[in-house]
N, C-alpha and C. Protein backbone atom coordinates (compact mmCIF):
# COMPACT_ATOMS: atom_id res chain seq x y z
N UNK A 1 59.88 -17.33 -159.75
CA UNK A 1 58.80 -16.70 -158.83
C UNK A 1 58.74 -15.06 -159.34
N UNK A 2 57.38 -14.76 -159.08
CA UNK A 2 57.19 -13.22 -159.68
C UNK A 2 57.37 -11.99 -158.75
N UNK A 3 57.76 -10.96 -159.14
CA UNK A 3 58.13 -10.02 -158.60
C UNK A 3 56.87 -9.76 -157.19
N UNK A 4 57.58 -9.32 -155.84
CA UNK A 4 56.23 -9.28 -154.93
C UNK A 4 55.58 -8.05 -155.23
N UNK A 5 54.21 -7.79 -155.09
CA UNK A 5 53.38 -6.61 -155.44
C UNK A 5 53.43 -5.87 -154.24
N UNK A 6 54.15 -6.19 -153.22
CA UNK A 6 54.11 -4.99 -151.96
C UNK A 6 55.31 -5.41 -151.20
N UNK A 7 56.27 -5.01 -151.78
CA UNK A 7 57.91 -5.55 -151.30
C UNK A 7 58.03 -4.46 -149.87
N UNK A 8 57.29 -5.19 -148.99
CA UNK A 8 57.38 -4.19 -147.80
C UNK A 8 58.83 -4.88 -146.95
N UNK A 9 59.19 -4.33 -146.11
CA UNK A 9 60.06 -4.84 -144.85
C UNK A 9 59.56 -5.68 -144.09
N UNK A 10 60.04 -6.86 -143.65
CA UNK A 10 59.41 -7.83 -142.39
C UNK A 10 60.34 -8.11 -141.44
N UNK A 11 60.27 -8.22 -140.29
CA UNK A 11 60.68 -8.46 -139.12
C UNK A 11 62.22 -8.18 -139.18
N UNK A 12 62.04 -6.32 -139.08
CA UNK A 12 63.21 -5.62 -139.19
C UNK A 12 63.89 -5.23 -138.01
N UNK A 13 63.25 -5.65 -136.98
CA UNK A 13 63.99 -5.44 -135.68
C UNK A 13 64.69 -6.80 -134.93
N UNK A 14 65.63 -6.31 -134.28
CA UNK A 14 66.36 -7.73 -133.80
C UNK A 14 65.25 -8.17 -132.48
N UNK A 15 65.24 -9.45 -132.62
CA UNK A 15 64.52 -10.08 -131.84
C UNK A 15 64.92 -9.92 -130.20
N UNK A 16 64.13 -10.03 -128.85
CA UNK A 16 64.62 -9.72 -127.62
C UNK A 16 65.80 -10.47 -127.07
N UNK A 17 66.48 -9.78 -126.87
CA UNK A 17 68.11 -10.55 -126.50
C UNK A 17 68.33 -10.33 -124.58
N UNK A 18 67.73 -9.56 -124.50
CA UNK A 18 67.92 -9.27 -122.88
C UNK A 18 66.85 -9.49 -121.73
N UNK A 19 65.79 -9.76 -121.88
CA UNK A 19 64.48 -9.93 -121.63
C UNK A 19 64.16 -8.79 -120.53
N UNK A 20 63.91 -8.63 -119.66
CA UNK A 20 62.76 -7.17 -118.82
C UNK A 20 64.01 -6.74 -117.88
N UNK A 21 64.60 -5.65 -118.24
CA UNK A 21 65.37 -4.62 -117.22
C UNK A 21 65.32 -4.88 -115.73
N UNK A 22 66.33 -4.98 -115.09
CA UNK A 22 66.57 -4.79 -113.96
C UNK A 22 67.48 -4.14 -113.14
N UNK A 23 67.65 -4.31 -111.92
CA UNK A 23 68.43 -4.13 -111.11
C UNK A 23 69.24 -2.51 -111.42
N UNK A 24 70.41 -2.58 -111.54
CA UNK A 24 71.08 -0.90 -112.09
C UNK A 24 70.80 -0.46 -113.11
N UNK A 25 70.30 -1.58 -113.85
CA UNK A 25 70.45 -0.54 -115.40
C UNK A 25 68.77 -0.28 -115.32
N UNK A 26 67.98 -0.84 -114.99
CA UNK A 26 66.32 -0.62 -114.91
C UNK A 26 66.40 0.80 -114.23
N UNK A 27 67.08 1.25 -112.87
CA UNK A 27 67.54 2.58 -112.07
C UNK A 27 67.77 3.61 -113.16
N UNK A 28 68.75 3.11 -114.21
CA UNK A 28 69.20 4.48 -114.92
C UNK A 28 68.34 4.47 -116.13
N UNK A 29 67.50 3.33 -116.80
CA UNK A 29 66.35 3.61 -117.38
C UNK A 29 65.09 4.62 -116.79
N UNK A 30 64.71 4.57 -115.52
CA UNK A 30 63.99 4.96 -114.86
C UNK A 30 64.36 6.82 -114.59
N UNK A 31 65.51 6.79 -114.48
CA UNK A 31 66.07 8.36 -114.58
C UNK A 31 65.61 9.15 -115.92
N UNK A 32 65.92 8.25 -116.71
CA UNK A 32 65.29 8.79 -118.08
C UNK A 32 64.37 9.30 -118.01
N UNK A 33 63.36 8.00 -117.79
CA UNK A 33 61.51 8.18 -118.12
C UNK A 33 61.48 9.43 -117.21
N UNK A 34 61.74 9.31 -116.00
CA UNK A 34 61.31 10.46 -114.79
C UNK A 34 61.53 11.94 -115.28
N UNK A 35 62.52 12.11 -116.26
CA UNK A 35 62.60 13.19 -116.92
C UNK A 35 62.17 13.60 -117.95
N UNK A 36 61.78 12.62 -119.17
CA UNK A 36 60.70 12.83 -119.88
C UNK A 36 58.75 12.99 -119.39
N UNK A 37 58.82 12.45 -118.13
CA UNK A 37 57.32 12.87 -117.29
C UNK A 37 57.38 13.96 -117.08
N UNK A 38 58.32 14.31 -116.32
CA UNK A 38 58.28 15.99 -115.87
C UNK A 38 58.26 17.15 -117.04
N UNK A 39 58.58 16.70 -118.57
CA UNK A 39 58.38 17.27 -119.33
C UNK A 39 57.18 17.67 -119.91
N UNK A 40 56.37 16.64 -119.48
CA UNK A 40 54.89 16.59 -119.65
C UNK A 40 54.17 17.90 -119.46
N UNK A 41 53.58 18.80 -120.39
CA UNK A 41 53.00 20.46 -119.60
C UNK A 41 51.73 19.85 -119.26
N UNK A 42 51.04 19.32 -119.57
CA UNK A 42 49.53 19.13 -119.07
C UNK A 42 49.47 17.76 -118.15
N UNK A 43 50.22 17.87 -117.78
CA UNK A 43 50.88 16.35 -116.34
C UNK A 43 49.79 16.76 -115.02
N UNK A 44 48.52 15.98 -114.85
CA UNK A 44 47.82 16.69 -113.43
C UNK A 44 48.63 16.91 -112.34
N UNK A 45 48.24 17.35 -111.52
CA UNK A 45 49.20 17.72 -110.30
C UNK A 45 49.15 16.06 -109.29
N UNK A 46 50.42 16.24 -108.87
CA UNK A 46 50.52 14.85 -107.96
C UNK A 46 50.87 13.70 -108.47
N UNK A 47 50.80 14.06 -109.86
CA UNK A 47 51.53 12.71 -110.85
C UNK A 47 52.91 12.31 -110.52
N UNK A 48 53.34 11.28 -110.38
CA UNK A 48 54.71 11.25 -110.55
C UNK A 48 55.25 9.81 -110.82
N UNK A 49 56.34 9.39 -111.04
CA UNK A 49 57.00 8.46 -111.20
C UNK A 49 57.00 7.06 -110.32
N UNK A 50 56.59 6.24 -110.00
CA UNK A 50 56.70 5.38 -108.74
C UNK A 50 58.14 4.67 -108.86
N UNK A 51 58.89 4.27 -107.94
CA UNK A 51 59.97 3.53 -107.78
C UNK A 51 60.21 2.51 -108.74
N UNK A 52 58.94 1.61 -108.51
CA UNK A 52 58.67 0.25 -109.35
C UNK A 52 57.79 0.60 -110.86
N UNK A 53 58.89 0.83 -111.98
CA UNK A 53 58.28 0.98 -113.00
C UNK A 53 58.19 -0.53 -114.19
N UNK A 54 56.90 -0.71 -114.71
CA UNK A 54 56.86 -2.12 -115.44
C UNK A 54 57.84 -1.85 -116.90
N UNK A 55 58.69 -2.67 -116.90
CA UNK A 55 59.71 -2.36 -118.47
C UNK A 55 59.44 -3.57 -119.25
N UNK A 56 59.38 -3.27 -120.47
CA UNK A 56 58.62 -4.27 -121.56
C UNK A 56 59.97 -4.80 -122.04
N UNK A 57 59.84 -5.95 -122.93
CA UNK A 57 61.09 -6.43 -123.60
C UNK A 57 61.67 -5.65 -124.62
N UNK A 58 62.92 -5.83 -124.53
CA UNK A 58 63.77 -4.71 -125.39
C UNK A 58 63.91 -5.33 -127.13
N UNK A 59 63.79 -4.12 -128.22
CA UNK A 59 64.10 -4.75 -129.47
C UNK A 59 65.04 -3.22 -129.51
N UNK A 60 65.43 -4.09 -130.73
CA UNK A 60 66.39 -3.18 -131.33
C UNK A 60 66.31 -2.69 -132.90
N UNK A 61 65.90 -1.62 -133.09
CA UNK A 61 65.89 -1.31 -134.80
C UNK A 61 66.63 0.39 -134.61
N UNK A 62 67.04 0.30 -136.25
CA UNK A 62 68.19 1.90 -136.66
C UNK A 62 69.22 1.85 -135.80
N UNK A 63 69.74 1.33 -135.34
CA UNK A 63 71.07 1.92 -134.57
C UNK A 63 70.77 1.80 -132.98
N UNK A 64 69.44 1.75 -132.74
CA UNK A 64 68.91 1.66 -130.99
C UNK A 64 68.25 0.92 -130.68
N UNK A 65 68.53 0.72 -129.02
CA UNK A 65 67.93 -0.63 -128.60
C UNK A 65 66.58 0.23 -127.69
N UNK A 66 65.60 -0.14 -127.99
CA UNK A 66 64.17 0.53 -127.36
C UNK A 66 63.56 -0.48 -126.61
N UNK A 67 63.13 0.39 -125.25
CA UNK A 67 62.53 -0.58 -124.22
C UNK A 67 61.40 0.59 -123.83
N UNK A 68 59.99 -0.05 -123.79
CA UNK A 68 58.83 0.43 -123.60
C UNK A 68 58.95 0.51 -121.92
N UNK A 69 57.77 1.26 -121.54
CA UNK A 69 57.52 1.42 -120.18
C UNK A 69 56.19 1.66 -119.80
N UNK A 70 55.84 1.23 -118.62
CA UNK A 70 54.44 1.56 -118.10
C UNK A 70 54.62 1.56 -116.76
N UNK A 71 53.62 2.72 -116.23
CA UNK A 71 53.77 2.77 -114.67
C UNK A 71 52.16 3.31 -114.14
N UNK A 72 51.83 2.82 -113.22
CA UNK A 72 50.61 3.69 -112.36
C UNK A 72 50.92 4.51 -111.21
N UNK A 73 50.49 5.76 -111.37
CA UNK A 73 50.31 6.81 -110.55
C UNK A 73 49.05 7.44 -109.96
N UNK A 74 49.01 7.85 -108.87
CA UNK A 74 48.19 8.67 -108.59
C UNK A 74 47.86 10.13 -108.71
N UNK A 75 47.06 10.72 -108.89
CA UNK A 75 46.74 12.45 -109.01
C UNK A 75 45.93 12.92 -108.70
N UNK A 76 45.70 14.33 -108.87
CA UNK A 76 44.40 14.89 -107.99
C UNK A 76 43.56 14.64 -108.93
N UNK A 77 43.25 14.22 -110.28
CA UNK A 77 42.30 13.80 -111.04
C UNK A 77 42.16 12.47 -110.84
N UNK A 78 42.40 11.56 -110.15
CA UNK A 78 42.54 10.19 -110.29
C UNK A 78 43.62 9.14 -110.50
N UNK A 79 43.70 7.88 -110.71
CA UNK A 79 44.36 7.15 -111.19
C UNK A 79 44.95 7.07 -112.33
N UNK A 80 46.04 7.46 -113.12
CA UNK A 80 46.69 7.23 -114.46
C UNK A 80 47.78 6.27 -114.46
N UNK A 81 47.88 6.03 -115.91
CA UNK A 81 49.11 5.45 -116.55
C UNK A 81 49.98 6.27 -117.31
N UNK A 82 51.11 6.28 -116.60
CA UNK A 82 52.08 6.68 -117.20
C UNK A 82 52.72 5.72 -118.20
N UNK A 83 53.08 6.00 -119.43
CA UNK A 83 53.62 5.54 -120.47
C UNK A 83 54.78 5.99 -121.68
N UNK A 84 55.49 5.41 -121.90
CA UNK A 84 56.21 5.73 -123.05
C UNK A 84 57.39 4.56 -123.29
N UNK A 85 58.85 4.87 -123.84
CA UNK A 85 59.52 4.15 -124.09
C UNK A 85 61.12 5.22 -123.68
N UNK A 86 61.96 4.22 -123.34
CA UNK A 86 63.58 4.91 -123.09
C UNK A 86 64.03 4.14 -124.22
N UNK A 87 65.19 4.72 -125.34
CA UNK A 87 66.12 4.23 -126.36
C UNK A 87 67.24 4.44 -125.74
N UNK A 88 68.44 3.75 -126.53
CA UNK A 88 69.71 4.30 -126.51
C UNK A 88 70.39 3.67 -127.77
N UNK A 89 71.43 4.25 -127.88
CA UNK A 89 72.40 3.78 -128.81
C UNK A 89 72.99 2.46 -128.73
N UNK A 90 72.82 1.59 -129.93
CA UNK A 90 73.18 0.14 -129.60
C UNK A 90 74.71 0.38 -129.52
N UNK A 91 75.34 -0.40 -128.07
CA UNK A 91 76.87 -0.44 -128.13
C UNK A 91 77.45 -1.04 -129.00
N UNK A 92 78.62 -0.81 -129.01
CA UNK A 92 80.00 -1.39 -130.50
C UNK A 92 80.60 -2.19 -129.43
N UNK A 93 80.46 -3.41 -129.36
CA UNK A 93 81.56 -4.28 -128.77
C UNK A 93 80.75 -4.49 -127.31
N UNK A 94 81.78 -4.36 -126.51
CA UNK A 94 82.07 -4.40 -125.18
C UNK A 94 81.86 -2.52 -124.45
N UNK A 95 81.29 -1.63 -125.30
CA UNK A 95 80.83 -0.52 -125.12
C UNK A 95 79.93 -0.20 -124.25
N UNK A 96 80.18 1.10 -123.57
CA UNK A 96 79.07 1.32 -122.49
C UNK A 96 77.98 1.78 -123.52
N UNK A 97 76.41 1.91 -122.80
CA UNK A 97 75.22 2.56 -123.77
C UNK A 97 75.55 3.90 -123.57
N UNK A 98 74.88 4.52 -124.40
CA UNK A 98 74.87 5.90 -124.23
C UNK A 98 73.89 6.57 -125.00
N UNK A 99 73.68 7.97 -124.93
CA UNK A 99 72.94 8.46 -125.83
C UNK A 99 71.32 8.10 -125.32
N UNK A 100 70.93 8.16 -124.27
CA UNK A 100 69.74 8.14 -123.62
C UNK A 100 68.82 9.02 -123.90
N UNK A 101 67.57 8.56 -124.79
CA UNK A 101 66.37 9.22 -124.90
C UNK A 101 64.89 8.43 -124.61
N UNK A 102 64.15 9.93 -124.19
CA UNK A 102 62.84 9.11 -123.48
C UNK A 102 61.87 10.22 -124.08
N UNK A 103 60.59 9.03 -124.53
CA UNK A 103 59.08 9.86 -124.40
C UNK A 103 58.73 9.31 -123.55
N UNK A 104 57.27 10.54 -123.20
CA UNK A 104 56.25 9.83 -122.12
C UNK A 104 55.21 10.33 -122.17
N UNK A 105 54.13 10.13 -121.94
CA UNK A 105 52.74 10.59 -121.95
C UNK A 105 51.52 9.84 -121.04
N UNK A 106 50.26 10.43 -120.36
CA UNK A 106 49.87 9.38 -119.82
C UNK A 106 48.39 9.48 -120.37
N UNK A 107 47.52 8.45 -119.55
CA UNK A 107 46.22 8.47 -119.62
C UNK A 107 45.09 8.13 -118.86
N UNK A 108 44.15 8.30 -118.86
CA UNK A 108 43.17 8.04 -117.46
C UNK A 108 42.45 6.84 -118.13
N UNK A 109 42.50 6.30 -119.22
CA UNK A 109 41.48 5.27 -120.00
C UNK A 109 42.44 3.66 -119.34
N UNK A 110 41.93 3.06 -118.37
CA UNK A 110 42.89 1.96 -117.71
C UNK A 110 41.76 0.74 -118.19
N UNK A 111 43.12 -0.36 -118.10
CA UNK A 111 42.28 -1.61 -118.76
C UNK A 111 41.41 -2.33 -117.31
N UNK A 112 41.30 -1.90 -116.59
CA UNK A 112 40.47 -2.29 -115.63
C UNK A 112 38.79 -1.82 -115.53
N UNK A 113 39.07 -0.83 -116.51
CA UNK A 113 37.88 0.05 -116.28
C UNK A 113 37.08 -0.14 -117.91
N UNK A 114 37.63 -1.40 -118.53
CA UNK A 114 37.32 -1.57 -120.23
C UNK A 114 37.33 -3.24 -119.72
N UNK A 115 36.36 -3.90 -119.52
CA UNK A 115 36.25 -5.32 -119.54
C UNK A 115 36.08 -5.82 -120.95
N UNK A 116 35.92 -5.38 -121.61
CA UNK A 116 35.66 -5.89 -123.20
C UNK A 116 37.21 -6.24 -123.95
N UNK A 117 38.34 -5.25 -123.52
CA UNK A 117 39.54 -5.20 -124.22
C UNK A 117 39.92 -6.50 -124.07
N UNK A 118 40.57 -6.91 -124.97
CA UNK A 118 41.69 -8.58 -125.05
C UNK A 118 42.87 -8.07 -125.07
N UNK A 119 43.17 -6.96 -125.41
CA UNK A 119 44.83 -6.69 -125.47
C UNK A 119 45.18 -5.06 -125.00
N UNK A 120 45.56 -4.82 -123.95
CA UNK A 120 46.41 -3.42 -123.63
C UNK A 120 47.42 -3.01 -123.89
N UNK A 121 47.13 -2.22 -125.13
CA UNK A 121 48.20 -1.64 -126.48
C UNK A 121 48.46 -0.23 -126.23
N UNK A 122 50.01 -0.28 -126.38
CA UNK A 122 50.44 1.24 -126.41
C UNK A 122 51.50 1.07 -128.32
N UNK A 123 51.45 2.14 -128.43
CA UNK A 123 52.30 2.52 -129.82
C UNK A 123 52.88 3.86 -129.94
N UNK A 124 53.59 4.04 -130.55
CA UNK A 124 54.49 5.16 -130.88
C UNK A 124 55.65 4.83 -132.48
N UNK A 125 55.25 5.87 -132.90
CA UNK A 125 55.84 5.90 -134.37
C UNK A 125 57.65 5.98 -134.12
N UNK A 126 58.79 5.29 -134.38
CA UNK A 126 59.96 5.57 -134.16
C UNK A 126 60.66 5.91 -135.78
N UNK A 127 60.13 5.62 -136.42
CA UNK A 127 60.91 5.94 -137.75
C UNK A 127 59.76 5.81 -138.87
N UNK A 128 60.71 5.92 -140.23
CA UNK A 128 59.70 5.91 -141.52
C UNK A 128 60.70 5.22 -142.08
N UNK A 129 59.83 4.53 -143.10
CA UNK A 129 60.35 3.62 -144.58
C UNK A 129 59.50 4.06 -145.74
N UNK A 130 60.50 4.35 -146.70
CA UNK A 130 60.09 4.42 -147.81
C UNK A 130 60.49 3.57 -148.76
N UNK A 131 59.58 3.23 -149.83
CA UNK A 131 59.53 2.48 -150.79
C UNK A 131 59.67 3.37 -152.21
N UNK A 132 59.16 2.60 -153.20
CA UNK A 132 59.20 3.14 -154.57
C UNK A 132 57.78 3.84 -154.65
N UNK A 133 58.20 4.84 -155.63
CA UNK A 133 56.96 5.54 -156.14
C UNK A 133 56.15 6.04 -155.15
N UNK A 134 56.34 6.41 -154.19
CA UNK A 134 56.02 7.45 -152.99
C UNK A 134 55.23 6.54 -151.92
N UNK A 135 55.72 5.16 -151.78
CA UNK A 135 55.24 4.40 -151.03
C UNK A 135 55.91 4.50 -149.82
N UNK A 136 55.37 4.26 -148.64
CA UNK A 136 55.94 4.40 -147.44
C UNK A 136 55.38 3.71 -146.09
N UNK A 137 55.61 3.84 -145.18
CA UNK A 137 55.05 3.30 -144.20
C UNK A 137 55.80 3.61 -142.57
N UNK A 138 55.24 3.75 -141.61
CA UNK A 138 55.47 4.34 -140.60
C UNK A 138 56.05 3.20 -139.30
N UNK A 139 57.37 3.22 -139.28
CA UNK A 139 57.92 2.22 -138.12
C UNK A 139 57.50 2.22 -136.70
N UNK A 140 56.32 1.04 -136.37
CA UNK A 140 55.77 1.78 -134.90
C UNK A 140 56.36 0.72 -133.85
N UNK A 141 56.60 0.84 -133.00
CA UNK A 141 57.23 0.46 -131.84
C UNK A 141 55.71 0.24 -130.91
N UNK A 142 55.47 -1.20 -130.42
CA UNK A 142 54.18 -1.48 -129.87
C UNK A 142 54.45 -2.17 -128.57
N UNK A 143 53.90 -1.87 -127.44
CA UNK A 143 54.02 -2.61 -126.60
C UNK A 143 52.79 -3.08 -125.79
N UNK A 144 52.54 -4.16 -125.35
CA UNK A 144 51.31 -4.49 -124.29
C UNK A 144 51.40 -5.29 -123.61
N UNK A 145 49.97 -6.11 -123.12
CA UNK A 145 50.07 -7.22 -122.26
C UNK A 145 48.57 -7.64 -122.82
N UNK A 146 48.20 -9.30 -122.98
CA UNK A 146 47.56 -9.76 -122.90
C UNK A 146 46.50 -9.81 -121.78
N UNK A 147 45.11 -9.60 -122.19
CA UNK A 147 44.23 -9.74 -120.97
C UNK A 147 43.15 -10.83 -121.02
N UNK A 148 43.87 -11.68 -122.14
CA UNK A 148 43.07 -13.09 -121.88
C UNK A 148 44.02 -14.23 -121.68
N UNK A 149 43.52 -15.38 -121.06
CA UNK A 149 44.55 -16.42 -120.95
C UNK A 149 44.99 -17.09 -121.95
N UNK A 150 46.44 -17.56 -121.65
CA UNK A 150 46.92 -18.70 -122.77
C UNK A 150 47.57 -18.24 -123.52
N UNK A 151 47.78 -16.68 -123.78
CA UNK A 151 48.79 -16.17 -124.84
C UNK A 151 50.06 -16.00 -124.29
N UNK A 152 50.91 -16.73 -125.55
CA UNK A 152 52.01 -17.13 -125.60
C UNK A 152 53.00 -16.49 -126.33
N UNK A 153 52.73 -15.74 -127.66
CA UNK A 153 52.97 -14.94 -128.71
C UNK A 153 52.21 -14.12 -128.97
N UNK A 154 52.93 -12.91 -129.60
CA UNK A 154 52.17 -11.87 -130.34
C UNK A 154 52.73 -11.48 -131.70
N UNK A 155 51.84 -11.18 -132.63
CA UNK A 155 52.22 -10.84 -133.78
C UNK A 155 51.81 -9.52 -134.39
N UNK A 156 52.45 -9.31 -135.48
CA UNK A 156 51.91 -7.82 -135.93
C UNK A 156 51.81 -8.18 -137.40
N UNK A 157 50.55 -8.22 -138.04
CA UNK A 157 50.12 -8.67 -139.13
C UNK A 157 49.92 -6.92 -140.13
N UNK A 158 49.81 -7.07 -141.30
CA UNK A 158 49.74 -5.98 -142.72
C UNK A 158 49.03 -6.92 -143.59
N UNK A 159 47.71 -6.61 -143.61
CA UNK A 159 47.01 -7.40 -144.43
C UNK A 159 46.45 -8.90 -144.47
N UNK A 160 46.90 -9.15 -143.01
CA UNK A 160 47.26 -10.89 -143.28
C UNK A 160 48.48 -10.93 -143.59
N UNK A 161 49.34 -10.77 -143.64
CA UNK A 161 50.72 -10.90 -143.96
C UNK A 161 51.65 -10.66 -142.50
N UNK A 162 52.30 -11.82 -141.97
CA UNK A 162 53.26 -11.38 -140.53
C UNK A 162 54.11 -10.54 -140.82
N UNK A 163 54.35 -9.56 -139.98
CA UNK A 163 55.71 -8.71 -140.30
C UNK A 163 56.41 -8.51 -138.97
N UNK A 164 56.01 -9.27 -138.16
CA UNK A 164 57.07 -9.36 -136.73
C UNK A 164 56.03 -10.32 -135.90
N UNK A 165 56.55 -10.92 -135.05
CA UNK A 165 56.61 -11.63 -133.82
C UNK A 165 57.20 -11.62 -132.64
N UNK A 166 57.07 -12.19 -131.81
CA UNK A 166 57.74 -12.29 -130.86
C UNK A 166 56.95 -13.08 -129.61
N UNK A 167 57.55 -13.79 -128.42
CA UNK A 167 57.16 -14.64 -127.25
C UNK A 167 56.63 -13.26 -126.31
N UNK A 168 55.58 -14.07 -125.61
CA UNK A 168 55.13 -12.92 -124.43
C UNK A 168 55.95 -13.40 -123.32
N UNK A 169 56.74 -12.43 -122.85
CA UNK A 169 57.51 -12.49 -121.77
C UNK A 169 56.91 -12.10 -120.41
N UNK A 170 57.00 -12.60 -119.24
CA UNK A 170 56.33 -12.00 -117.83
C UNK A 170 55.36 -11.23 -118.39
N UNK A 171 54.19 -11.64 -118.94
CA UNK A 171 52.94 -10.85 -119.23
C UNK A 171 53.18 -9.64 -120.27
N UNK A 172 54.20 -9.64 -121.06
CA UNK A 172 54.20 -8.27 -122.00
C UNK A 172 54.96 -9.11 -122.79
N UNK A 173 54.94 -7.70 -124.15
CA UNK A 173 55.61 -8.45 -125.23
C UNK A 173 55.87 -6.84 -125.95
N UNK A 174 56.71 -6.88 -126.99
CA UNK A 174 57.02 -5.56 -127.76
C UNK A 174 57.22 -6.12 -129.40
N UNK A 175 56.84 -4.96 -130.00
CA UNK A 175 56.84 -5.22 -131.32
C UNK A 175 57.34 -3.97 -132.02
N UNK A 176 58.03 -4.48 -133.64
CA UNK A 176 58.66 -3.08 -133.91
C UNK A 176 58.11 -3.62 -135.60
N UNK A 177 56.95 -3.14 -136.21
CA UNK A 177 57.15 -3.44 -137.83
C UNK A 177 56.40 -2.31 -138.42
N UNK A 178 56.01 -2.06 -139.46
CA UNK A 178 55.56 -1.17 -140.43
C UNK A 178 54.16 -0.70 -140.04
N UNK A 179 53.28 0.37 -140.00
CA UNK A 179 51.93 0.38 -139.88
C UNK A 179 51.56 1.60 -140.80
N UNK A 180 50.39 2.04 -141.16
CA UNK A 180 49.84 2.84 -141.89
C UNK A 180 50.22 2.90 -143.19
N UNK A 181 50.43 2.01 -144.05
CA UNK A 181 51.11 1.91 -145.32
C UNK A 181 50.39 2.77 -146.18
N UNK A 182 51.35 3.84 -147.35
CA UNK A 182 50.47 4.80 -148.25
C UNK A 182 51.07 4.33 -149.44
N UNK A 183 49.86 4.82 -150.28
CA UNK A 183 50.21 4.68 -151.82
C UNK A 183 50.47 3.13 -152.21
N UNK A 184 49.35 2.33 -151.43
CA UNK A 184 49.35 0.94 -151.99
C UNK A 184 47.62 0.76 -152.19
N UNK A 185 47.01 1.42 -152.79
CA UNK A 185 45.60 1.56 -152.97
C UNK A 185 44.62 1.67 -151.49
N UNK A 186 44.26 0.74 -151.20
CA UNK A 186 44.03 0.69 -150.17
C UNK A 186 44.49 0.93 -148.79
N UNK A 187 44.05 1.62 -147.64
CA UNK A 187 44.79 1.88 -146.35
C UNK A 187 44.96 0.66 -145.67
N UNK A 188 46.43 0.25 -145.38
CA UNK A 188 46.69 -0.90 -144.60
C UNK A 188 47.42 -0.45 -143.50
N UNK A 189 46.83 -1.06 -142.55
CA UNK A 189 47.08 -0.72 -141.03
C UNK A 189 47.39 -2.07 -140.22
N UNK A 190 48.26 -1.70 -139.24
CA UNK A 190 48.69 -2.76 -138.45
C UNK A 190 47.54 -3.62 -137.63
N UNK A 191 47.65 -4.89 -137.76
CA UNK A 191 46.62 -5.68 -136.66
C UNK A 191 47.59 -6.49 -135.70
N UNK A 192 47.66 -6.67 -134.51
CA UNK A 192 48.28 -7.33 -133.34
C UNK A 192 47.26 -8.07 -133.04
N UNK A 193 47.99 -9.61 -132.85
CA UNK A 193 47.24 -10.55 -132.62
C UNK A 193 48.00 -11.31 -131.43
N UNK A 194 47.08 -11.98 -130.79
CA UNK A 194 47.62 -13.19 -129.77
C UNK A 194 47.55 -14.66 -129.92
N UNK A 195 48.40 -15.51 -129.40
CA UNK A 195 48.32 -16.56 -130.02
C UNK A 195 48.55 -17.44 -128.97
N UNK A 196 47.83 -18.87 -128.87
CA UNK A 196 47.91 -19.94 -127.84
C UNK A 196 49.30 -20.66 -127.96
N UNK A 197 49.51 -21.71 -127.04
CA UNK A 197 50.62 -22.13 -127.37
C UNK A 197 50.21 -23.35 -128.63
N UNK A 198 49.01 -23.70 -129.04
CA UNK A 198 48.40 -24.79 -130.15
C UNK A 198 48.59 -23.88 -131.40
N UNK A 199 49.03 -22.51 -131.40
CA UNK A 199 48.63 -21.66 -132.54
C UNK A 199 47.49 -21.28 -132.87
N UNK A 200 46.66 -21.04 -131.55
CA UNK A 200 45.10 -20.84 -131.99
C UNK A 200 45.19 -19.19 -131.58
N UNK A 201 44.20 -18.62 -132.53
CA UNK A 201 44.19 -16.97 -132.79
C UNK A 201 43.42 -16.53 -130.96
N UNK A 202 44.01 -15.87 -130.11
CA UNK A 202 43.31 -15.50 -128.92
C UNK A 202 42.33 -14.02 -129.17
N UNK A 203 42.94 -13.35 -129.72
CA UNK A 203 42.78 -11.92 -129.86
C UNK A 203 43.34 -11.20 -130.94
N UNK A 204 42.58 -10.16 -131.30
CA UNK A 204 43.31 -9.22 -132.29
C UNK A 204 42.56 -7.67 -132.55
N UNK A 205 43.45 -6.84 -132.57
CA UNK A 205 43.25 -5.67 -132.32
C UNK A 205 44.11 -4.82 -133.69
N UNK A 206 43.39 -3.63 -134.29
CA UNK A 206 43.99 -2.48 -134.84
C UNK A 206 44.45 -1.39 -134.29
N UNK A 207 45.74 -1.01 -134.70
CA UNK A 207 45.83 0.34 -134.31
C UNK A 207 45.33 1.42 -134.49
N UNK A 208 44.45 1.31 -135.91
CA UNK A 208 43.98 2.42 -136.11
C UNK A 208 42.87 2.23 -135.69
N UNK A 209 41.98 1.09 -135.12
CA UNK A 209 40.94 1.19 -134.32
C UNK A 209 40.94 1.77 -132.81
N UNK A 210 42.16 1.38 -132.41
CA UNK A 210 42.54 2.11 -131.20
C UNK A 210 42.63 3.40 -131.22
N UNK A 211 43.36 4.27 -132.18
CA UNK A 211 43.15 5.52 -132.47
C UNK A 211 41.61 6.26 -132.54
N UNK A 212 41.03 5.67 -133.37
CA UNK A 212 39.82 6.04 -133.54
C UNK A 212 38.92 6.05 -132.35
N UNK A 213 39.00 5.19 -131.51
CA UNK A 213 38.20 4.64 -130.34
C UNK A 213 38.45 5.77 -128.90
N UNK A 214 40.04 5.34 -128.75
CA UNK A 214 40.27 6.01 -127.71
C UNK A 214 41.19 6.90 -127.69
N UNK A 215 41.49 7.99 -127.74
CA UNK A 215 42.08 9.16 -127.82
C UNK A 215 42.58 9.45 -126.18
N UNK A 216 44.11 9.55 -126.16
CA UNK A 216 45.28 10.16 -127.12
C UNK A 216 45.71 8.85 -127.74
N UNK A 217 46.00 8.94 -129.17
CA UNK A 217 46.88 7.76 -129.93
C UNK A 217 47.98 7.44 -129.14
N UNK A 218 48.17 6.10 -128.71
CA UNK A 218 49.25 5.14 -128.27
C UNK A 218 48.71 4.87 -126.90
N UNK A 219 47.30 4.70 -126.64
CA UNK A 219 46.68 3.93 -125.78
C UNK A 219 45.23 3.33 -126.19
N UNK A 220 45.35 2.10 -125.96
CA UNK A 220 44.03 1.37 -126.50
C UNK A 220 43.70 0.14 -125.42
């Protein structure tokens, strides 16, 4: 077989192992997320992390476990969605979880106000991949919810090539894959797709399109 003209890494993250966080562990995650939200300089007055946070399936990459989240809150400027992720160092053996880190942001662009959406997406760059001759890509954490019926799996694709996939768990999914490939000629950006049980494509959305249309980046 001839050399691959685009030797990019595929399926770089461990698949989900623990499902949706709950109980005392979810409370620990919430503590980290609350700290990140408190650090948002332009957070509208009155906004706060509710007791119940929606946690998404965890994925492991780069020696860390990444757990995205979102939560609705009321503020003096109306309803907001808080979103972000908490990560921690991958435990060794039966060791305890350590080195919790969190990021947070907010948006007033909500899915219920956009009936044309088919996927409610968030994303954040969590690393960088470097290839030969200046080629590179952004390792991107993507999490979201299907807004169409019958979706059982989500995939991340680059120019039609599947680079990650996960089942949809409790109406939520998390992906980790390259986005925004550099030095491959034309720009190549990730596209997220939803699939039915019969492998029918139900929806597709480009992260690049989301950034162009709905600022700030990270909410589509």
